[in-house]
C-alpha atoms as a PDB file:
ATOM      1  CA  MET A   1      10.310  -7.385   4.105  1.00  0.00           C
ATOM      2  CA  THR A   2      11.707 -10.591   5.546  1.00  0.00           C
ATOM      3  CA  LYS A   3      13.069 -12.788   2.806  1.00  0.00           C
ATOM      4  CA  ASP A   4      13.405 -15.804   5.205  1.00  0.00           C
ATOM      5  CA  VAL A   5       9.900 -17.211   4.674  1.00  0.00           C
ATOM      6  CA  ALA A   6       8.572 -20.759   4.568  1.00  0.00           C
ATOM      7  CA  THR A   7       5.810 -22.273   2.547  1.00  0.00           C
ATOM      8  CA  ILE A   8       3.629 -25.219   3.501  1.00  0.00           C
ATOM      9  CA  ARG A   9       1.222 -27.383   1.543  1.00  0.00           C
ATOM     10  CA  SER A  10      -2.481 -26.899   2.113  1.00  0.00           C
ATOM     11  CA  SER A  11      -2.818 -30.600   2.736  1.00  0.00           C
ATOM     12  CA  ALA A  12      -0.328 -30.550   5.627  1.00  0.00           C
ATOM     13  CA  THR A  13      -1.585 -30.924   9.135  1.00  0.00           C
ATOM     14  CA  VAL A  14      -1.754 -28.041  11.552  1.00  0.00           C
ATOM     15  CA  ALA A  15       0.685 -30.005  13.747  1.00  0.00           C
ATOM     16  CA  GLU A  16       3.241 -29.848  10.915  1.00  0.00           C
ATOM     17  CA  ALA A  17       2.607 -26.143  10.573  1.00  0.00           C
ATOM     18  CA  VAL A  18       3.165 -25.595  14.305  1.00  0.00           C
ATOM     19  CA  LYS A  19       6.503 -27.524  14.154  1.00  0.00           C
ATOM     20  CA  LEU A  20       7.674 -25.351  11.273  1.00  0.00           C
ATOM     21  CA  LEU A  21       6.580 -22.147  13.067  1.00  0.00           C
ATOM     22  CA  ARG A  22       8.390 -23.141  16.198  1.00  0.00           C
ATOM     23  CA  ALA A  23      11.568 -24.275  14.458  1.00  0.00           C
ATOM     24  CA  ARG A  24      12.228 -20.779  13.111  1.00  0.00           C
ATOM     25  CA  ASP A  25      10.178 -18.670  15.515  1.00  0.00           C
ATOM     26  CA  TRP A  26       7.959 -17.502  12.626  1.00  0.00           C
ATOM     27  CA  LYS A  27       4.480 -16.012  13.115  1.00  0.00           C
ATOM     28  CA  ALA A  28       2.982 -17.172   9.793  1.00  0.00           C
ATOM     29  CA  LEU A  29       3.504 -19.585   6.902  1.00  0.00           C
ATOM     30  CA  VAL A  30       2.656 -18.942   3.270  1.00  0.00           C
ATOM     31  CA  VAL A  31       0.523 -21.718   1.872  1.00  0.00           C
ATOM     32  CA  ASP A  32       1.913 -22.752  -1.465  1.00  0.00           C
ATOM     33  CA  ARG A  33      -0.018 -22.642  -4.754  1.00  0.00           C
ATOM     34  CA  ARG A  34      -0.991 -25.924  -6.298  1.00  0.00           C
ATOM     35  CA  HIS A  35      -0.402 -24.525  -9.843  1.00  0.00           C
ATOM     36  CA  GLU A  36       0.596 -21.297 -11.610  1.00  0.00           C
ATOM     37  CA  GLN A  37      -2.933 -19.788 -11.697  1.00  0.00           C
ATOM     38  CA  ASP A  38      -3.690 -20.710  -8.052  1.00  0.00           C
ATOM     39  CA  ALA A  39      -3.663 -18.094  -5.314  1.00  0.00           C
ATOM     40  CA  TYR A  40      -1.301 -18.124  -2.327  1.00  0.00           C
ATOM     41  CA  GLY A  41      -2.780 -18.575   1.124  1.00  0.00           C
ATOM     42  CA  ILE A  42      -1.505 -17.825   4.573  1.00  0.00           C
ATOM     43  CA  ILE A  43      -1.763 -19.552   7.952  1.00  0.00           C
ATOM     44  CA  THR A  44      -0.905 -17.588  11.074  1.00  0.00           C
ATOM     45  CA  GLU A  45      -0.460 -18.219  14.761  1.00  0.00           C
ATOM     46  CA  LYS A  46      -3.820 -16.464  15.179  1.00  0.00           C
ATOM     47  CA  ASP A  47      -5.528 -18.941  12.845  1.00  0.00           C
ATOM     48  CA  ILE A  48      -4.140 -21.871  14.850  1.00  0.00           C
ATOM     49  CA  VAL A  49      -5.060 -20.402  18.258  1.00  0.00           C
ATOM     50  CA  TYR A  50      -8.486 -19.126  17.255  1.00  0.00           C
ATOM     51  CA  LYS A  51      -9.626 -22.046  14.971  1.00  0.00           C
ATOM     52  CA  VAL A  52      -7.899 -25.075  16.438  1.00  0.00           C
ATOM     53  CA  ILE A  53      -6.720 -24.597  20.032  1.00  0.00           C
ATOM     54  CA  ALA A  54      -9.790 -22.573  21.069  1.00  0.00           C
ATOM     55  CA  TYR A  55     -12.039 -25.448  19.974  1.00  0.00           C
ATOM     56  CA  ASP A  56      -9.775 -28.227  21.288  1.00  0.00           C
ATOM     57  CA  LYS A  57      -9.442 -29.724  17.905  1.00  0.00           C
ATOM     58  CA  ASP A  58      -6.602 -32.306  17.277  1.00  0.00           C
ATOM     59  CA  PRO A  59      -3.823 -30.501  15.324  1.00  0.00           C
ATOM     60  CA  CYS A  60      -2.790 -33.851  13.846  1.00  0.00           C
ATOM     61  CA  LYS A  61      -6.191 -34.242  12.213  1.00  0.00           C
ATOM     62  CA  VAL A  62      -6.906 -30.659  11.136  1.00  0.00           C
ATOM     63  CA  ARG A  63      -5.488 -29.717   7.786  1.00  0.00           C
ATOM     64  CA  VAL A  64      -3.950 -26.364   6.917  1.00  0.00           C
ATOM     65  CA  TYR A  65      -6.580 -25.712   4.231  1.00  0.00           C
ATOM     66  CA  GLU A  66      -9.319 -25.835   6.898  1.00  0.00           C
ATOM     67  CA  VAL A  67      -7.967 -22.806   8.828  1.00  0.00           C
ATOM     68  CA  MET A  68      -5.870 -20.824   6.326  1.00  0.00           C
ATOM     69  CA  THR A  69      -6.898 -17.628   4.569  1.00  0.00           C
ATOM     70  CA  LYS A  70      -6.950 -18.081   0.819  1.00  0.00           C
ATOM     71  CA  PRO A  71      -6.644 -16.077  -1.306  1.00  0.00           C
ATOM     72  CA  CYS A  72      -4.680 -13.821   1.011  1.00  0.00           C
ATOM     73  CA  ILE A  73      -3.917 -10.188   0.479  1.00  0.00           C
ATOM     74  CA  VAL A  74      -0.452  -9.864  -1.131  1.00  0.00           C
ATOM     75  CA  VAL A  75       1.881  -6.922  -1.468  1.00  0.00           C
ATOM     76  CA  ASN A  76       3.822  -5.794  -4.533  1.00  0.00           C
ATOM     77  CA  PRO A  77       7.486  -5.209  -3.652  1.00  0.00           C
ATOM     78  CA  ASP A  78       7.418  -1.789  -5.465  1.00  0.00           C
ATOM     79  CA  LEU A  79       4.548  -0.416  -3.334  1.00  0.00           C
ATOM     80  CA  GLY A  80       5.524   2.489  -1.094  1.00  0.00           C
ATOM     81  CA  LEU A  81       5.696   1.752   2.602  1.00  0.00           C
ATOM     82  CA  GLU A  82       2.853   4.229   3.424  1.00  0.00           C
ATOM     83  CA  TYR A  83       0.539   2.323   1.072  1.00  0.00           C
ATOM     84  CA  VAL A  84       1.469  -1.004   2.625  1.00  0.00           C
ATOM     85  CA  ALA A  85       0.703   0.459   6.054  1.00  0.00           C
ATOM     86  CA  ARG A  86      -2.698   1.791   4.680  1.00  0.00           C
ATOM     87  CA  LEU A  87      -3.436  -1.620   3.246  1.00  0.00           C
ATOM     88  CA  PHE A  88      -2.654  -3.286   6.612  1.00  0.00           C
ATOM     89  CA  ALA A  89      -4.893  -0.700   8.402  1.00  0.00           C
ATOM     90  CA  ASP A  90      -7.813  -1.083   5.974  1.00  0.00           C
ATOM     91  CA  HIS A  91      -7.820  -4.856   6.253  1.00  0.00           C
ATOM     92  CA  ASN A  92      -6.614  -5.271   9.854  1.00  0.00           C
ATOM     93  CA  LEU A  93      -3.545  -7.240   8.761  1.00  0.00           C
ATOM     94  CA  GLN A  94      -0.490  -8.092  10.736  1.00  0.00           C
ATOM     95  CA  ARG A  95       1.487  -9.593   7.837  1.00  0.00           C
ATOM     96  CA  ALA A  96       1.252 -10.271   4.105  1.00  0.00           C
ATOM     97  CA  PRO A  97       3.286 -12.189   1.501  1.00  0.00           C
ATOM     98  CA  VAL A  98       5.296 -10.081  -0.904  1.00  0.00           C
ATOM     99  CA  ILE A  99       4.806 -11.428  -4.427  1.00  0.00           C
ATOM    100  CA  GLN A 100       5.798 -10.359  -7.879  1.00  0.00           C
ATOM    101  CA  GLY A 101       5.134 -13.376 -10.064  1.00  0.00           C
ATOM    102  CA  LYS A 102       6.667 -15.506  -7.306  1.00  0.00           C
ATOM    103  CA  LEU A 103       6.961 -15.380  -3.569  1.00  0.00           C
ATOM    104  CA  LEU A 104       9.761 -12.969  -2.539  1.00  0.00           C
ATOM    105  CA  GLY A 105       9.170 -12.691   1.228  1.00  0.00           C
ATOM    106  CA  ILE A 106       6.768 -11.595   3.818  1.00  0.00           C
ATOM    107  CA  ILE A 107       6.152  -8.154   5.382  1.00  0.00           C
ATOM    108  CA  SER A 108       4.819  -7.588   8.869  1.00  0.00           C
ATOM    109  CA  LEU A 109       3.863  -4.666  11.104  1.00  0.00           C
ATOM    110  CA  VAL A 110       7.285  -5.006  12.749  1.00  0.00           C
ATOM    111  CA  ASP A 111       8.995  -4.695   9.357  1.00  0.00           C
ATOM    112  CA  ILE A 112       6.970  -1.576   8.500  1.00  0.00           C
ATOM    113  CA  LEU A 113       7.834   0.034  11.828  1.00  0.00           C
ATOM    114  CA  ALA A 114      11.507  -0.884  11.540  1.00  0.00           C
ATOM    115  CA  SER A 115      11.836   0.420   7.960  1.00  0.00           C
ATOM    116  CA  SER A 116       9.809   3.549   8.265  1.00  0.00           C
ATOM    117  CA  ASN A 117      11.373   6.945   8.731  1.00  0.00           C
ATOM    118  CA  PHE A 118       8.044   8.543   9.710  1.00  0.00           C
ATOM    119  CA  LEU A 119       9.551   9.894  12.941  1.00  0.00           C
ATOM    120  CA  GLU A 120      12.275  11.775  11.072  1.00  0.00           C
ATOM    121  CA  LYS A 121      10.215  12.947   8.088  1.00  0.00           C
ATOM    122  CA  PRO A 122       6.682  11.778   7.357  1.00  0.00           C
ATOM    123  CA  HIS A 123       5.875  11.122   3.701  1.00  0.00           C
ATOM    124  CA  THR A 124       3.261  13.832   3.585  1.00  0.00           C
ATOM    125  CA  ILE A 125       5.876  16.415   4.570  1.00  0.00           C
ATOM    126  CA  LEU A 126       8.067  15.278   1.660  1.00  0.00           C
ATOM    127  CA  LEU A 127       5.098  15.560  -0.651  1.00  0.00           C
ATOM    128  CA  GLU A 128       4.250  19.041   0.631  1.00  0.00           C
ATOM    129  CA  GLU A 129       7.852  20.165   0.010  1.00  0.00           C
ATOM    130  CA  GLN A 130       7.625  18.738  -3.525  1.00  0.00           C
ATOM    131  CA  LEU A 131       4.292  20.534  -3.980  1.00  0.00           C
ATOM    132  CA  GLU A 132       5.809  23.919  -3.043  1.00  0.00           C
ATOM    133  CA  ASP A 133       8.662  23.440  -5.478  1.00  0.00           C
ATOM    134  CA  GLU A 134       6.303  22.348  -8.269  1.00  0.00           C
ATOM    135  CA  ILE A 135       3.940  25.310  -7.661  1.00  0.00           C
ATOM    136  CA  LYS A 136       6.892  27.682  -8.088  1.00  0.00           C
ATOM    137  CA  GLN A 137       7.981  25.908 -11.270  1.00  0.00           C
ATOM    138  CA  THR A 138       4.393  25.926 -12.631  1.00  0.00           C
ATOM    139  CA  ARG A 139       4.043  29.652 -12.010  1.00  0.00           C
ATOM    140  CA  THR A 140       7.287  30.201 -13.912  1.00  0.00           C
ATOM    141  CA  VAL A 141       6.035  28.012 -16.861  1.00  0.00           C
ATOM    142  CA  CYS A 142       2.785  29.974 -16.919  1.00  0.00           C
ATOM    143  CA  THR A 143       4.649  33.322 -16.892  1.00  0.00           C
ATOM    144  CA  GLU A 144       7.012  32.259 -19.680  1.00  0.00           C
ATOM    145  CA  LYS A 145       4.604  30.257 -21.880  1.00  0.00           C
ATOM    146  CA  GLY A 146       1.398  32.150 -21.127  1.00  0.00           C
ATOM    147  CA  ILE A 147      -1.533  31.452 -18.857  1.00  0.00           C
ATOM    148  CA  ARG A 148      -3.551  29.925 -21.714  1.00  0.00           C
ATOM    149  CA  SER A 149      -0.725  27.665 -22.945  1.00  0.00           C
ATOM    150  CA  LYS A 150      -0.989  23.907 -22.933  1.00  0.00           C
ATOM    151  CA  GLU A 151       2.220  23.738 -20.891  1.00  0.00           C
ATOM    152  CA  CYS A 152       0.630  25.911 -18.172  1.00  0.00           C
ATOM    153  CA  ALA A 153      -2.514  23.819 -18.086  1.00  0.00           C
ATOM    154  CA  ALA A 154      -0.555  20.558 -17.937  1.00  0.00           C
ATOM    155  CA  ALA A 155       1.633  21.864 -15.115  1.00  0.00           C
ATOM    156  CA  TRP A 156      -1.435  22.794 -13.089  1.00  0.00           C
ATOM    157  CA  ASP A 157      -2.921  19.372 -13.814  1.00  0.00           C
ATOM    158  CA  ALA A 158       0.214  17.785 -12.305  1.00  0.00           C
ATOM    159  CA  ILE A 159      -0.160  20.045  -9.229  1.00  0.00           C
ATOM    160  CA  GLU A 160      -3.778  18.912  -8.771  1.00  0.00           C
ATOM    161  CA  GLU A 161      -2.687  15.302  -8.897  1.00  0.00           C
ATOM    162  CA  LEU A 162      -0.061  15.941  -6.232  1.00  0.00           C
ATOM    163  CA  GLN A 163      -2.545  17.792  -4.021  1.00  0.00           C
ATOM    164  CA  ALA A 164      -5.034  14.882  -4.423  1.00  0.00           C
ATOM    165  CA  GLU A 165      -2.267  12.462  -3.339  1.00  0.00           C
ATOM    166  CA  ILE A 166      -1.478  14.549  -0.226  1.00  0.00           C
ATOM    167  CA  ALA A 167      -5.188  14.773   0.600  1.00  0.00           C
ATOM    168  CA  HIS A 168      -5.446  10.974   0.223  1.00  0.00           C
ATOM    169  CA  GLN A 169      -2.445  10.403   2.463  1.00  0.00           C
ATOM    170  CA  ARG A 170      -3.995  12.575   5.138  1.00  0.00           C
ATOM    171  CA  ALA A 171      -7.509  11.267   4.519  1.00  0.00           C
ATOM    172  CA  GLU A 172      -8.660  14.890   4.147  1.00  0.00           C
ATOM    173  CA  LYS A 173     -10.519  16.829   1.460  1.00  0.00           C
ATOM    174  CA  VAL A 174      -8.640  19.610  -0.364  1.00  0.00           C
ATOM    175  CA  VAL A 175     -10.254  22.866   0.733  1.00  0.00           C
ATOM    176  CA  LYS A 176      -8.744  25.043  -1.993  1.00  0.00           C
ATOM    177  CA  THR A 177      -6.401  23.883  -4.656  1.00  0.00           C
ATOM    178  CA  ALA A 178      -3.275  25.683  -5.648  1.00  0.00           C
ATOM    179  CA  PHE A 179      -4.866  26.343  -9.077  1.00  0.00           C
ATOM    180  CA  GLU A 180      -7.889  27.965  -7.449  1.00  0.00           C
ATOM    181  CA  GLU A 181      -5.539  30.242  -5.459  1.00  0.00           C
ATOM    182  CA  TYR A 182      -3.724  31.071  -8.714  1.00  0.00           C
ATOM    183  CA  CYS A 183      -7.092  31.867 -10.328  1.00  0.00           C
ATOM    184  CA  ASP A 184      -7.761  34.305  -7.487  1.00  0.00           C
ATOM    185  CA  GLU A 185      -4.634  36.236  -8.597  1.00  0.00           C
ATOM    186  CA  TYR A 186      -5.170  35.669 -12.314  1.00  0.00           C
ATOM    187  CA  PRO A 187      -8.913  35.250 -13.033  1.00  0.00           C
ATOM    188  CA  GLU A 188      -8.237  34.702 -16.786  1.00  0.00           C
ATOM    189  CA  ALA A 189      -6.441  31.434 -15.894  1.00  0.00           C
ATOM    190  CA  LYS A 190      -9.822  29.854 -15.106  1.00  0.00           C
ATOM    191  CA  GLU A 191     -10.367  29.760 -18.864  1.00  0.00           C
ATOM    192  CA  ILE A 192      -7.803  26.995 -19.069  1.00  0.00           C
ATOM    193  CA  TYR A 193     -10.114  24.495 -17.374  1.00  0.00           C
ATOM    194  CA  ASP A 194     -13.254  26.021 -18.758  1.00  0.00           C
ATOM    195  CA  ASN A 195     -11.900  25.370 -22.223  1.00  0.00           C
ATOM    196  CA  TRP A 196     -10.885  21.816 -21.306  1.00  0.00           C
ATOM    197  CA  CYS A 197     -14.304  21.001 -19.865  1.00  0.00           C
ATOM    198  CA  SER A 198     -16.179  22.429 -22.780  1.00  0.00           C
ATOM    199  CA  GLY A 199     -14.378  20.436 -25.386  1.00  0.00           C
END
């Protein structure tokens, strides 16, 4: 994220917002909250062009609150980059404030691209490597503790969660889970989930 971010009052004029944007070559300003329970807003170059310039309105008379987006979508600083990218894609965003109790910065498409290592190693590949390792460990646990053990069942449950995460990342449906493949080898393992479902 970019920590160098400015806020502006919702009562300020669009002309004031433009001066602030030009002064630092920013693309957006975060509109400050009026009180602790209030939501943050955002005013972007796009808002100014589409809602003020396009209609030949006087920027000295139009107020920020008339053209801003509020509440705006905000990002938690602990959120993984791939989730931020998905949020941006789902809502057609170009930037969003980063907030955790207070304003910490702003993240944009440029920041995501600059910080991402998707060219070197996409996140789903890392998850798939983790899945392979965990499947091996789970098979070991089931061999040592027994197919019907709680430890074996819990390990397979964790595998299913990881597979669901990978499927979500790829926006695909899981065709056959690792547990189902395991049940093909050890049909008695299916009792683990049959017992859970029945009570």
